[in-house]
Amino acid sequence: MSLTVRFIPGKGIQYLPRGNNDPPPYNRSTSQGSVPSSLLPTTGRPIQPQQGVLLSSVPASWPLYIVEFKAGRTDLFYLTDLSLDIRVGDLVIVQADGGKDLGTVVNDSITLKEVEAFEREQRGRQGSKKEINPKMIYGKAQPQDRQQLLAKAQDELKALQLCQNKVRQKKLVIDAEYQWDRRKLTFYFIAEKRIDFREPVRELFRLYETLIWMASLQGPGGYEQ
């Protein structure tokens, strides 16, 4: 049975049976070269890559990718430079909150129609008006970027241990993740109820002088400084 991959905000990737009416996977062989001006968004508003774009503003000629980060976090990204041959398993530099991040491509064939169909389905079921806002892939990670991965992992371990020492129920906090440009530091926790992290977050912000985010792995919610 053929499967299609769906990106689900907050849940990551789901593999579902491909229906007869589902569009075929993105075909790279027919989409090489630069993007013609006639295929650029016609909304009359320039795209602001630093903020992501509306799904409706993404031309069909721009391939979409699902990129995975730490703790199974995934997000949807688009590529404007079609000369780049980006495949599953590649490390890529991508647009992130106020800067850049580095993640691994886990799907390189999801289509715009698949994402649009899912967005319509979610709106119909939940009455949600929230739109999916794909962000940009800047390019593949370079050798010097790969060399920084070990130092990043070591710093994340130190940050995790420090955070655990500042939280009364230290076992709640299970992982830490730096945004690639160090502008954001996320701590992942597991808890059945909402936890007040305001005081440790203030202390961590004073120590690291970067955005601190506490992310629940069991549902929505978090603290930011």
N, C-alpha and C. Protein backbone atom coordinates (compact mmCIF):
# COMPACT_ATOMS: atom_id res chain seq x y z
N MET A 1 0.86 -1.21 0.00
CA MET A 1 0.00 0.00 0.00
C MET A 1 0.88 1.24 0.00
N SER A 2 0.58 2.16 -0.89
CA SER A 2 1.35 3.40 -0.97
C SER A 2 0.94 4.35 0.14
N LEU A 3 1.93 5.01 0.74
CA LEU A 3 1.67 5.94 1.84
C LEU A 3 1.98 7.35 1.42
N THR A 4 1.24 8.28 1.99
CA THR A 4 1.53 9.70 1.80
C THR A 4 1.90 10.29 3.15
N VAL A 5 2.79 11.27 3.15
CA VAL A 5 3.27 11.87 4.39
C VAL A 5 2.54 13.18 4.63
N ARG A 6 1.99 13.34 5.82
CA ARG A 6 1.31 14.56 6.20
C ARG A 6 2.07 15.24 7.33
N PHE A 7 2.29 16.54 7.19
CA PHE A 7 2.86 17.33 8.27
C PHE A 7 1.72 17.87 9.12
N ILE A 8 1.75 17.59 10.42
CA ILE A 8 0.69 18.02 11.32
C ILE A 8 1.29 18.92 12.39
N PRO A 9 0.95 20.21 12.40
CA PRO A 9 1.51 21.12 13.40
C PRO A 9 1.27 20.60 14.81
N GLY A 10 2.33 20.59 15.60
CA GLY A 10 2.23 20.12 16.96
C GLY A 10 2.37 18.62 17.09
N LYS A 11 2.23 17.89 15.99
CA LYS A 11 2.33 16.43 16.04
C LYS A 11 3.42 15.89 15.11
N GLY A 12 3.95 16.76 14.25
CA GLY A 12 5.02 16.33 13.37
C GLY A 12 4.50 15.60 12.14
N ILE A 13 5.08 14.45 11.84
CA ILE A 13 4.81 13.75 10.60
C ILE A 13 3.91 12.56 10.86
N GLN A 14 2.93 12.36 9.99
CA GLN A 14 2.10 11.17 10.05
C GLN A 14 2.06 10.53 8.68
N TYR A 15 2.12 9.21 8.64
CA TYR A 15 2.08 8.46 7.40
C TYR A 15 0.67 7.89 7.21
N LEU A 16 0.03 8.27 6.12
CA LEU A 16 -1.35 7.89 5.87
C LEU A 16 -1.45 7.21 4.51
N PRO A 17 -2.44 6.32 4.33
CA PRO A 17 -2.63 5.68 3.02
C PRO A 17 -2.88 6.73 1.94
N ARG A 18 -2.22 6.57 0.81
CA ARG A 18 -2.40 7.52 -0.30
C ARG A 18 -3.66 7.17 -1.08
N GLY A 19 -4.55 8.14 -1.22
CA GLY A 19 -5.78 7.94 -1.97
C GLY A 19 -5.57 8.13 -3.46
N ASN A 20 -6.57 7.74 -4.24
CA ASN A 20 -6.44 7.86 -5.70
C ASN A 20 -6.36 9.30 -6.16
N ASN A 21 -6.93 10.20 -5.35
CA ASN A 21 -6.96 11.61 -5.75
C ASN A 21 -5.80 12.41 -5.19
N ASP A 22 -4.94 11.75 -4.38
CA ASP A 22 -3.79 12.48 -3.83
C ASP A 22 -2.80 12.82 -4.92
N PRO A 23 -2.18 13.99 -4.87
CA PRO A 23 -1.20 14.38 -5.88
C PRO A 23 0.05 13.55 -5.76
N PRO A 24 0.77 13.35 -6.87
CA PRO A 24 2.02 12.58 -6.80
C PRO A 24 3.08 13.36 -6.06
N PRO A 25 4.14 12.68 -5.58
CA PRO A 25 5.23 13.38 -4.89
C PRO A 25 5.87 14.41 -5.80
N TYR A 26 6.51 15.40 -5.17
CA TYR A 26 7.19 16.44 -5.90
C TYR A 26 8.27 15.85 -6.81
N ASN A 27 8.29 16.24 -8.06
CA ASN A 27 9.23 15.70 -9.03
C ASN A 27 10.33 16.71 -9.28
N ARG A 28 11.54 16.37 -8.83
CA ARG A 28 12.65 17.31 -8.97
C ARG A 28 13.06 17.50 -10.42
N SER A 29 12.92 16.47 -11.22
CA SER A 29 13.45 16.54 -12.58
C SER A 29 12.75 17.58 -13.44
N THR A 30 11.55 18.00 -13.03
CA THR A 30 10.83 19.00 -13.82
C THR A 30 10.88 20.37 -13.19
N SER A 31 11.71 20.53 -12.13
CA SER A 31 11.66 21.80 -11.39
C SER A 31 13.05 22.36 -11.12
N GLN A 32 13.94 22.24 -12.05
CA GLN A 32 15.29 22.76 -11.86
C GLN A 32 15.38 24.19 -12.37
N GLY A 33 16.37 24.90 -11.86
CA GLY A 33 16.59 26.26 -12.32
C GLY A 33 15.97 27.27 -11.39
N SER A 34 16.04 28.55 -11.77
CA SER A 34 15.51 29.61 -10.92
C SER A 34 14.01 29.73 -11.08
N VAL A 35 13.38 30.42 -10.16
CA VAL A 35 11.93 30.58 -10.18
C VAL A 35 11.55 31.73 -11.10
N PRO A 36 10.77 31.49 -12.14
CA PRO A 36 10.35 32.58 -13.03
C PRO A 36 9.52 33.60 -12.27
N SER A 37 9.61 34.86 -12.69
CA SER A 37 8.87 35.91 -12.00
C SER A 37 7.37 35.68 -12.09
N SER A 38 6.92 34.99 -13.15
CA SER A 38 5.49 34.74 -13.30
C SER A 38 4.96 33.78 -12.26
N LEU A 39 5.87 33.04 -11.58
CA LEU A 39 5.43 32.07 -10.58
C LEU A 39 5.57 32.59 -9.17
N LEU A 40 6.03 33.82 -9.02
CA LEU A 40 6.13 34.39 -7.69
C LEU A 40 4.74 34.74 -7.16
N PRO A 41 4.58 34.84 -5.83
CA PRO A 41 3.26 35.15 -5.27
C PRO A 41 2.69 36.42 -5.86
N THR A 42 1.38 36.44 -6.07
CA THR A 42 0.73 37.59 -6.70
C THR A 42 -0.18 38.31 -5.71
N THR A 43 0.17 38.25 -4.42
CA THR A 43 -0.67 38.88 -3.40
C THR A 43 -0.47 40.38 -3.36
N GLY A 44 0.58 40.90 -4.02
CA GLY A 44 0.84 42.33 -3.98
C GLY A 44 1.68 42.73 -2.80
N ARG A 45 1.98 41.77 -1.89
CA ARG A 45 2.80 42.04 -0.71
C ARG A 45 4.09 41.26 -0.82
N PRO A 46 5.24 41.91 -0.57
CA PRO A 46 6.51 41.18 -0.64
C PRO A 46 6.59 40.14 0.46
N ILE A 47 7.24 39.03 0.16
CA ILE A 47 7.43 37.99 1.17
C ILE A 47 8.44 38.47 2.21
N GLN A 48 8.16 38.21 3.47
CA GLN A 48 9.06 38.56 4.55
C GLN A 48 9.63 37.27 5.14
N PRO A 49 10.78 36.78 4.61
CA PRO A 49 11.30 35.48 5.03
C PRO A 49 11.52 35.37 6.52
N GLN A 50 11.88 36.48 7.20
CA GLN A 50 12.18 36.39 8.62
C GLN A 50 10.95 36.06 9.45
N GLN A 51 9.75 36.18 8.88
CA GLN A 51 8.52 35.92 9.60
C GLN A 51 7.80 34.69 9.09
N GLY A 52 8.34 33.99 8.11
CA GLY A 52 7.60 32.92 7.47
C GLY A 52 6.61 33.52 6.49
N VAL A 53 5.96 32.68 5.71
CA VAL A 53 4.99 33.16 4.73
C VAL A 53 3.70 32.38 4.89
N LEU A 54 2.62 32.97 4.44
CA LEU A 54 1.35 32.25 4.42
C LEU A 54 1.46 31.10 3.43
N LEU A 55 0.82 30.01 3.76
CA LEU A 55 0.84 28.86 2.87
C LEU A 55 0.31 29.23 1.49
N SER A 56 -0.70 30.11 1.47
CA SER A 56 -1.29 30.53 0.20
C SER A 56 -0.33 31.36 -0.65
N SER A 57 0.77 31.85 -0.06
CA SER A 57 1.74 32.66 -0.80
C SER A 57 2.88 31.83 -1.38
N VAL A 58 2.89 30.55 -1.11
CA VAL A 58 3.99 29.69 -1.59
C VAL A 58 3.66 29.19 -2.99
N PRO A 59 4.46 29.55 -3.99
CA PRO A 59 4.20 29.08 -5.36
C PRO A 59 4.36 27.56 -5.44
N ALA A 60 3.63 26.94 -6.34
CA ALA A 60 3.71 25.49 -6.51
C ALA A 60 5.10 25.05 -6.97
N SER A 61 5.89 25.99 -7.51
CA SER A 61 7.22 25.65 -8.01
C SER A 61 8.26 25.55 -6.89
N TRP A 62 7.91 25.99 -5.69
CA TRP A 62 8.86 25.92 -4.57
C TRP A 62 8.65 24.61 -3.82
N PRO A 63 9.60 23.70 -3.84
CA PRO A 63 9.42 22.44 -3.12
C PRO A 63 9.36 22.64 -1.62
N LEU A 64 8.59 21.79 -0.96
CA LEU A 64 8.43 21.83 0.49
C LEU A 64 9.18 20.67 1.14
N TYR A 65 9.65 20.92 2.35
CA TYR A 65 10.40 19.91 3.09
C TYR A 65 9.94 19.90 4.54
N ILE A 66 10.02 18.74 5.16
CA ILE A 66 9.82 18.63 6.59
C ILE A 66 11.19 18.44 7.22
N VAL A 67 11.51 19.30 8.16
CA VAL A 67 12.82 19.28 8.82
C VAL A 67 12.60 18.96 10.29
N GLU A 68 13.44 18.07 10.80
CA GLU A 68 13.32 17.64 12.19
C GLU A 68 14.45 18.22 13.03
N PHE A 69 14.10 18.58 14.27
CA PHE A 69 15.06 19.12 15.22
C PHE A 69 15.08 18.22 16.45
N LYS A 70 15.61 18.71 17.53
CA LYS A 70 15.73 17.90 18.73
C LYS A 70 14.35 17.60 19.32
N ALA A 71 14.28 16.51 20.10
CA ALA A 71 13.05 16.09 20.78
C ALA A 71 11.92 15.78 19.81
N GLY A 72 12.26 15.43 18.57
CA GLY A 72 11.24 15.07 17.59
C GLY A 72 10.47 16.24 17.02
N ARG A 73 10.91 17.46 17.31
CA ARG A 73 10.22 18.64 16.80
C ARG A 73 10.41 18.75 15.29
N THR A 74 9.31 18.99 14.58
CA THR A 74 9.38 19.12 13.12
C THR A 74 8.68 20.40 12.69
N ASP A 75 9.07 20.88 11.51
CA ASP A 75 8.41 22.06 10.96
C ASP A 75 8.49 21.98 9.45
N LEU A 76 7.69 22.83 8.80
CA LEU A 76 7.58 22.84 7.35
C LEU A 76 8.38 24.00 6.77
N PHE A 77 9.14 23.73 5.70
CA PHE A 77 9.99 24.74 5.08
C PHE A 77 9.87 24.67 3.56
N TYR A 78 10.20 25.81 2.93
CA TYR A 78 10.19 25.88 1.47
C TYR A 78 11.58 26.24 0.97
N LEU A 79 11.83 25.96 -0.30
CA LEU A 79 13.13 26.24 -0.92
C LEU A 79 12.91 27.08 -2.16
N THR A 80 13.62 28.22 -2.24
CA THR A 80 13.51 29.07 -3.43
C THR A 80 14.67 28.85 -4.40
N ASP A 81 15.81 28.39 -3.90
CA ASP A 81 16.97 28.14 -4.75
C ASP A 81 16.90 26.70 -5.26
N LEU A 82 16.30 26.52 -6.43
CA LEU A 82 16.07 25.18 -6.95
C LEU A 82 17.33 24.54 -7.51
N SER A 83 18.45 25.24 -7.48
CA SER A 83 19.71 24.63 -7.91
C SER A 83 20.29 23.75 -6.81
N LEU A 84 19.77 23.90 -5.58
CA LEU A 84 20.24 23.08 -4.46
C LEU A 84 19.55 21.72 -4.49
N ASP A 85 20.35 20.68 -4.42
CA ASP A 85 19.81 19.32 -4.41
C ASP A 85 19.71 18.85 -2.96
N ILE A 86 18.59 19.11 -2.35
CA ILE A 86 18.40 18.78 -0.94
C ILE A 86 17.57 17.52 -0.82
N ARG A 87 18.09 16.58 -0.05
CA ARG A 87 17.45 15.27 0.08
C ARG A 87 17.25 14.89 1.54
N VAL A 88 16.48 13.83 1.75
CA VAL A 88 16.29 13.29 3.09
C VAL A 88 17.66 12.96 3.69
N GLY A 89 17.86 13.35 4.94
CA GLY A 89 19.12 13.10 5.63
C GLY A 89 20.09 14.26 5.60
N ASP A 90 19.85 15.25 4.73
CA ASP A 90 20.74 16.41 4.67
C ASP A 90 20.54 17.31 5.89
N LEU A 91 21.65 17.86 6.38
CA LEU A 91 21.59 18.89 7.40
C LEU A 91 21.43 20.23 6.69
N VAL A 92 20.46 21.04 7.14
CA VAL A 92 20.18 22.30 6.46
C VAL A 92 20.08 23.43 7.47
N ILE A 93 20.46 24.63 7.01
CA ILE A 93 20.29 25.85 7.79
C ILE A 93 18.96 26.47 7.39
N VAL A 94 18.12 26.76 8.39
CA VAL A 94 16.77 27.22 8.08
C VAL A 94 16.44 28.47 8.87
N GLN A 95 15.40 29.13 8.44
CA GLN A 95 14.86 30.29 9.14
C GLN A 95 14.25 29.85 10.46
N ALA A 96 14.48 30.63 11.51
CA ALA A 96 13.95 30.30 12.83
C ALA A 96 13.48 31.57 13.51
N ASP A 97 13.11 31.47 14.79
CA ASP A 97 12.62 32.63 15.53
C ASP A 97 13.71 33.69 15.64
N GLY A 98 13.58 34.73 14.86
CA GLY A 98 14.52 35.84 14.92
C GLY A 98 15.93 35.50 14.47
N GLY A 99 16.11 34.37 13.79
CA GLY A 99 17.47 34.01 13.38
C GLY A 99 17.49 32.75 12.54
N LYS A 100 18.47 31.87 12.83
CA LYS A 100 18.66 30.66 12.04
C LYS A 100 18.75 29.43 12.94
N ASP A 101 18.39 28.28 12.36
CA ASP A 101 18.50 27.02 13.08
C ASP A 101 19.06 25.97 12.13
N LEU A 102 19.42 24.82 12.68
CA LEU A 102 19.96 23.72 11.88
C LEU A 102 19.18 22.46 12.21
N GLY A 103 18.72 21.78 11.16
CA GLY A 103 17.95 20.55 11.37
C GLY A 103 18.22 19.55 10.26
N THR A 104 17.56 18.41 10.35
CA THR A 104 17.74 17.32 9.39
C THR A 104 16.48 17.15 8.56
N VAL A 105 16.64 17.08 7.24
CA VAL A 105 15.50 16.86 6.34
C VAL A 105 15.01 15.43 6.52
N VAL A 106 13.71 15.28 6.83
CA VAL A 106 13.14 13.95 7.00
C VAL A 106 12.10 13.63 5.92
N ASN A 107 11.72 14.63 5.15
CA ASN A 107 10.84 14.38 4.01
C ASN A 107 11.11 15.42 2.95
N ASP A 108 11.30 14.96 1.70
CA ASP A 108 11.60 15.89 0.61
C ASP A 108 10.60 15.77 -0.53
N SER A 109 9.44 15.19 -0.26
CA SER A 109 8.48 14.99 -1.34
C SER A 109 7.06 15.40 -0.98
N ILE A 110 6.86 16.03 0.17
CA ILE A 110 5.51 16.49 0.51
C ILE A 110 5.13 17.63 -0.43
N THR A 111 3.88 17.67 -0.84
CA THR A 111 3.45 18.66 -1.83
C THR A 111 2.62 19.76 -1.19
N LEU A 112 2.56 20.88 -1.90
CA LEU A 112 1.76 22.01 -1.44
C LEU A 112 0.29 21.61 -1.34
N LYS A 113 -0.20 20.83 -2.28
CA LYS A 113 -1.60 20.41 -2.24
C LYS A 113 -1.90 19.55 -1.03
N GLU A 114 -0.95 18.71 -0.63
CA GLU A 114 -1.15 17.87 0.56
C GLU A 114 -1.28 18.73 1.81
N VAL A 115 -0.39 19.72 1.93
CA VAL A 115 -0.44 20.59 3.10
C VAL A 115 -1.70 21.43 3.10
N GLU A 116 -2.09 21.96 1.94
CA GLU A 116 -3.32 22.76 1.85
C GLU A 116 -4.54 21.92 2.22
N ALA A 117 -4.57 20.67 1.76
CA ALA A 117 -5.70 19.80 2.06
C ALA A 117 -5.78 19.54 3.56
N PHE A 118 -4.63 19.32 4.18
CA PHE A 118 -4.63 19.09 5.62
C PHE A 118 -5.10 20.33 6.37
N GLU A 119 -4.65 21.51 5.93
CA GLU A 119 -5.04 22.75 6.60
C GLU A 119 -6.55 22.95 6.51
N ARG A 120 -7.15 22.68 5.36
CA ARG A 120 -8.60 22.80 5.20
C ARG A 120 -9.32 21.79 6.09
N GLU A 121 -8.77 20.59 6.17
CA GLU A 121 -9.38 19.55 7.00
C GLU A 121 -9.38 19.95 8.46
N GLN A 122 -8.26 20.51 8.93
CA GLN A 122 -8.17 20.92 10.32
C GLN A 122 -9.14 22.06 10.63
N ARG A 123 -9.27 22.98 9.71
CA ARG A 123 -10.20 24.09 9.92
C ARG A 123 -11.63 23.58 10.00
N GLY A 124 -11.96 22.60 9.15
CA GLY A 124 -13.30 22.06 9.16
C GLY A 124 -13.62 21.31 10.44
N ARG A 125 -12.64 20.60 10.97
CA ARG A 125 -12.86 19.79 12.18
C ARG A 125 -12.86 20.64 13.44
N GLN A 126 -11.91 21.56 13.52
CA GLN A 126 -11.69 22.28 14.76
C GLN A 126 -12.16 23.73 14.72
N GLY A 127 -12.54 24.20 13.55
CA GLY A 127 -12.93 25.60 13.43
C GLY A 127 -11.75 26.53 13.67
N SER A 128 -10.54 26.01 13.50
CA SER A 128 -9.33 26.80 13.77
C SER A 128 -9.02 27.71 12.59
N LYS A 129 -8.62 28.94 12.90
CA LYS A 129 -8.23 29.88 11.86
C LYS A 129 -6.71 29.99 11.73
N LYS A 130 -5.99 29.21 12.52
CA LYS A 130 -4.54 29.27 12.49
C LYS A 130 -4.02 28.69 11.19
N GLU A 131 -3.14 29.42 10.54
CA GLU A 131 -2.60 28.98 9.27
C GLU A 131 -1.19 28.42 9.44
N ILE A 132 -0.85 27.50 8.56
CA ILE A 132 0.51 26.98 8.51
C ILE A 132 1.38 28.00 7.80
N ASN A 133 2.50 28.37 8.42
CA ASN A 133 3.39 29.37 7.83
C ASN A 133 4.77 28.77 7.58
N PRO A 134 4.98 28.20 6.39
CA PRO A 134 6.30 27.63 6.09
C PRO A 134 7.39 28.69 6.15
N LYS A 135 8.58 28.26 6.53
CA LYS A 135 9.73 29.15 6.56
C LYS A 135 10.76 28.69 5.54
N MET A 136 11.82 29.47 5.41
CA MET A 136 12.77 29.26 4.32
C MET A 136 13.94 28.36 4.70
N ILE A 137 14.36 27.53 3.76
CA ILE A 137 15.63 26.83 3.86
C ILE A 137 16.68 27.71 3.20
N TYR A 138 17.73 28.07 3.95
CA TYR A 138 18.77 28.92 3.40
C TYR A 138 19.79 28.13 2.59
N GLY A 139 20.05 26.89 2.99
CA GLY A 139 21.01 26.08 2.28
C GLY A 139 21.47 24.90 3.12
N LYS A 140 22.36 24.11 2.55
CA LYS A 140 22.91 22.97 3.27
C LYS A 140 23.93 23.43 4.30
N ALA A 141 24.04 22.65 5.37
CA ALA A 141 25.07 22.94 6.37
C ALA A 141 26.44 22.70 5.75
N GLN A 142 27.39 23.56 6.09
CA GLN A 142 28.75 23.45 5.60
C GLN A 142 29.62 22.68 6.60
N PRO A 143 30.82 22.25 6.18
CA PRO A 143 31.70 21.49 7.09
C PRO A 143 31.92 22.18 8.43
N GLN A 144 32.08 23.51 8.41
CA GLN A 144 32.31 24.22 9.67
C GLN A 144 31.07 24.19 10.57
N ASP A 145 29.88 24.11 9.94
CA ASP A 145 28.65 24.00 10.73
C ASP A 145 28.60 22.65 11.43
N ARG A 146 28.97 21.60 10.72
CA ARG A 146 28.97 20.26 11.30
C ARG A 146 29.95 20.16 12.47
N GLN A 147 31.06 20.87 12.36
CA GLN A 147 32.07 20.83 13.42
C GLN A 147 31.54 21.46 14.71
N GLN A 148 30.56 22.34 14.58
CA GLN A 148 30.02 23.00 15.77
C GLN A 148 28.97 22.16 16.49
N LEU A 149 28.55 21.05 15.88
CA LEU A 149 27.50 20.24 16.48
C LEU A 149 27.91 19.65 17.83
N LEU A 150 29.15 19.19 17.95
CA LEU A 150 29.61 18.59 19.20
C LEU A 150 29.62 19.64 20.31
N ALA A 151 30.15 20.83 20.02
CA ALA A 151 30.18 21.89 21.03
C ALA A 151 28.77 22.29 21.44
N LYS A 152 27.86 22.33 20.47
CA LYS A 152 26.46 22.66 20.76
C LYS A 152 25.85 21.61 21.69
N ALA A 153 26.10 20.34 21.41
CA ALA A 153 25.55 19.26 22.25
C ALA A 153 26.10 19.33 23.67
N GLN A 154 27.38 19.65 23.79
CA GLN A 154 27.97 19.75 25.12
C GLN A 154 27.39 20.92 25.91
N ASP A 155 27.18 22.04 25.24
CA ASP A 155 26.59 23.21 25.90
C ASP A 155 25.14 22.94 26.30
N GLU A 156 24.43 22.18 25.47
CA GLU A 156 23.04 21.83 25.78
C GLU A 156 22.97 20.94 27.02
N LEU A 157 23.91 20.01 27.15
CA LEU A 157 23.94 19.14 28.32
C LEU A 157 24.19 19.94 29.59
N LYS A 158 25.12 20.90 29.52
CA LYS A 158 25.40 21.75 30.67
C LYS A 158 24.18 22.59 31.05
N ALA A 159 23.50 23.12 30.03
CA ALA A 159 22.30 23.93 30.27
C ALA A 159 21.20 23.08 30.90
N LEU A 160 21.06 21.84 30.43
CA LEU A 160 20.05 20.94 30.98
C LEU A 160 20.31 20.68 32.46
N GLN A 161 21.56 20.38 32.80
CA GLN A 161 21.91 20.09 34.19
C GLN A 161 21.67 21.31 35.07
N LEU A 162 21.99 22.49 34.56
CA LEU A 162 21.78 23.72 35.33
C LEU A 162 20.28 23.96 35.55
N CYS A 163 19.48 23.76 34.50
CA CYS A 163 18.05 23.96 34.63
C CYS A 163 17.45 22.97 35.63
N GLN A 164 17.89 21.73 35.57
CA GLN A 164 17.38 20.71 36.50
C GLN A 164 17.70 21.08 37.95
N ASN A 165 18.85 21.70 38.16
CA ASN A 165 19.22 22.11 39.51
C ASN A 165 18.35 23.26 40.03
N LYS A 166 17.74 24.01 39.11
CA LYS A 166 16.94 25.17 39.51
C LYS A 166 15.45 24.85 39.58
N VAL A 167 15.06 23.67 39.14
CA VAL A 167 13.66 23.26 39.18
C VAL A 167 13.48 22.24 40.30
N ARG A 168 12.49 22.45 41.13
CA ARG A 168 12.29 21.58 42.29
C ARG A 168 12.12 20.12 41.88
N GLN A 169 11.26 19.89 40.91
CA GLN A 169 11.07 18.53 40.40
C GLN A 169 11.95 18.37 39.16
N LYS A 170 13.24 18.16 39.42
CA LYS A 170 14.22 18.22 38.33
C LYS A 170 13.99 17.18 37.24
N LYS A 171 13.34 16.05 37.58
CA LYS A 171 13.13 15.01 36.58
C LYS A 171 12.12 15.43 35.52
N LEU A 172 11.40 16.52 35.76
CA LEU A 172 10.43 17.00 34.77
C LEU A 172 11.13 17.48 33.51
N VAL A 173 12.30 18.10 33.66
CA VAL A 173 13.04 18.67 32.53
C VAL A 173 13.96 17.60 31.98
N ILE A 174 13.76 17.24 30.70
CA ILE A 174 14.46 16.08 30.16
C ILE A 174 15.45 16.40 29.04
N ASP A 175 15.39 17.60 28.49
CA ASP A 175 16.32 17.90 27.40
C ASP A 175 16.43 19.41 27.20
N ALA A 176 17.49 19.82 26.52
CA ALA A 176 17.72 21.23 26.21
C ALA A 176 18.17 21.34 24.77
N GLU A 177 17.79 22.44 24.13
CA GLU A 177 18.15 22.65 22.72
C GLU A 177 18.43 24.12 22.45
N TYR A 178 19.63 24.39 21.98
CA TYR A 178 19.98 25.73 21.52
C TYR A 178 19.51 25.90 20.09
N GLN A 179 18.92 27.06 19.79
CA GLN A 179 18.76 27.42 18.39
C GLN A 179 20.16 27.57 17.81
N TRP A 180 20.32 27.31 16.52
CA TRP A 180 21.66 27.25 15.94
C TRP A 180 22.46 28.52 16.15
N ASP A 181 21.80 29.67 16.11
CA ASP A 181 22.51 30.93 16.27
C ASP A 181 22.57 31.38 17.73
N ARG A 182 22.13 30.52 18.66
CA ARG A 182 22.17 30.77 20.10
C ARG A 182 21.25 31.91 20.55
N ARG A 183 20.29 32.27 19.73
CA ARG A 183 19.36 33.33 20.12
C ARG A 183 18.18 32.80 20.94
N LYS A 184 18.09 31.49 21.06
CA LYS A 184 16.98 30.88 21.80
C LYS A 184 17.47 29.59 22.43
N LEU A 185 17.05 29.34 23.68
CA LEU A 185 17.41 28.12 24.41
C LEU A 185 16.11 27.50 24.92
N THR A 186 15.81 26.31 24.42
CA THR A 186 14.56 25.63 24.77
C THR A 186 14.84 24.48 25.72
N PHE A 187 14.01 24.38 26.77
CA PHE A 187 14.07 23.25 27.69
C PHE A 187 12.77 22.46 27.54
N TYR A 188 12.91 21.17 27.31
CA TYR A 188 11.75 20.30 27.13
C TYR A 188 11.41 19.61 28.45
N PHE A 189 10.12 19.60 28.78
CA PHE A 189 9.71 18.97 30.03
C PHE A 189 8.46 18.13 29.83
N ILE A 190 8.24 17.21 30.75
CA ILE A 190 7.06 16.36 30.74
C ILE A 190 6.33 16.55 32.06
N ALA A 191 5.07 16.94 31.99
CA ALA A 191 4.27 17.14 33.20
C ALA A 191 2.80 16.99 32.84
N GLU A 192 2.04 16.41 33.74
CA GLU A 192 0.63 16.20 33.49
C GLU A 192 -0.20 17.46 33.73
N LYS A 193 0.36 18.40 34.48
CA LYS A 193 -0.34 19.65 34.72
C LYS A 193 0.61 20.82 34.48
N ARG A 194 0.06 21.99 34.40
CA ARG A 194 0.86 23.18 34.13
C ARG A 194 1.79 23.47 35.31
N ILE A 195 3.04 23.75 34.99
CA ILE A 195 4.06 24.03 36.00
C ILE A 195 4.47 25.49 35.93
N ASP A 196 4.66 26.10 37.09
CA ASP A 196 5.10 27.50 37.14
C ASP A 196 6.62 27.54 37.08
N PHE A 197 7.13 27.88 35.91
CA PHE A 197 8.57 27.95 35.70
C PHE A 197 9.08 29.39 35.72
N ARG A 198 8.27 30.32 36.13
CA ARG A 198 8.65 31.72 35.97
C ARG A 198 9.96 32.08 36.67
N GLU A 199 10.14 31.63 37.89
CA GLU A 199 11.36 31.98 38.62
C GLU A 199 12.61 31.36 38.01
N PRO A 200 12.64 30.03 37.75
CA PRO A 200 13.83 29.47 37.10
C PRO A 200 14.10 30.07 35.72
N VAL A 201 13.03 30.42 34.99
CA VAL A 201 13.22 31.02 33.67
C VAL A 201 13.90 32.38 33.80
N ARG A 202 13.50 33.16 34.80
CA ARG A 202 14.16 34.46 35.02
C ARG A 202 15.64 34.26 35.32
N GLU A 203 15.95 33.29 36.17
CA GLU A 203 17.36 33.04 36.52
C GLU A 203 18.15 32.58 35.31
N LEU A 204 17.57 31.71 34.52
CA LEU A 204 18.25 31.21 33.33
C LEU A 204 18.47 32.33 32.32
N PHE A 205 17.50 33.24 32.22
CA PHE A 205 17.65 34.37 31.30
C PHE A 205 18.79 35.27 31.74
N ARG A 206 18.90 35.50 33.04
CA ARG A 206 19.99 36.33 33.55
C ARG A 206 21.35 35.68 33.27
N LEU A 207 21.41 34.35 33.36
CA LEU A 207 22.67 33.64 33.16
C LEU A 207 23.07 33.58 31.68
N TYR A 208 22.10 33.27 30.82
CA TYR A 208 22.42 33.01 29.41
C TYR A 208 22.18 34.23 28.51
N GLU A 209 21.40 35.19 28.98
CA GLU A 209 21.12 36.40 28.21
C GLU A 209 20.62 36.07 26.80
N THR A 210 19.73 35.12 26.73
CA THR A 210 19.10 34.74 25.47
C THR A 210 17.66 34.34 25.76
N LEU A 211 16.84 34.24 24.74
CA LEU A 211 15.45 33.86 24.93
C LEU A 211 15.37 32.46 25.52
N ILE A 212 14.63 32.31 26.62
CA ILE A 212 14.46 31.01 27.27
C ILE A 212 13.02 30.55 27.03
N TRP A 213 12.86 29.32 26.57
CA TRP A 213 11.54 28.79 26.31
C TRP A 213 11.40 27.42 26.96
N MET A 214 10.33 27.23 27.74
CA MET A 214 10.03 25.94 28.34
C MET A 214 8.93 25.29 27.51
N ALA A 215 9.23 24.14 26.90
CA ALA A 215 8.30 23.50 25.97
C ALA A 215 7.80 22.18 26.53
N SER A 216 6.49 22.05 26.61
CA SER A 216 5.90 20.80 27.09
C SER A 216 5.85 19.78 25.96
N LEU A 217 6.25 18.54 26.26
CA LEU A 217 6.19 17.47 25.27
C LEU A 217 4.87 16.72 25.33
N GLN A 218 3.97 17.15 26.20
CA GLN A 218 2.68 16.48 26.32
C GLN A 218 1.52 17.34 25.86
N GLY A 219 1.81 18.48 25.27
CA GLY A 219 0.72 19.33 24.79
C GLY A 219 1.14 20.78 24.76
N PRO A 220 0.20 21.68 24.48
CA PRO A 220 0.53 23.10 24.37
C PRO A 220 0.88 23.70 25.72
N GLY A 221 1.56 24.82 25.67
CA GLY A 221 1.88 25.52 26.90
C GLY A 221 3.36 25.74 27.02
N GLY A 222 3.75 26.73 27.80
CA GLY A 222 5.16 26.99 28.00
C GLY A 222 5.37 28.36 28.59
N TYR A 223 6.63 28.62 28.94
CA TYR A 223 7.00 29.93 29.48
C TYR A 223 8.14 30.48 28.64
N GLU A 224 8.18 31.78 28.56
CA GLU A 224 9.18 32.44 27.74
C GLU A 224 9.71 33.65 28.48
N GLN A 225 11.01 33.93 28.29
CA GLN A 225 11.61 35.13 28.88
C GLN A 225 12.53 35.76 27.83
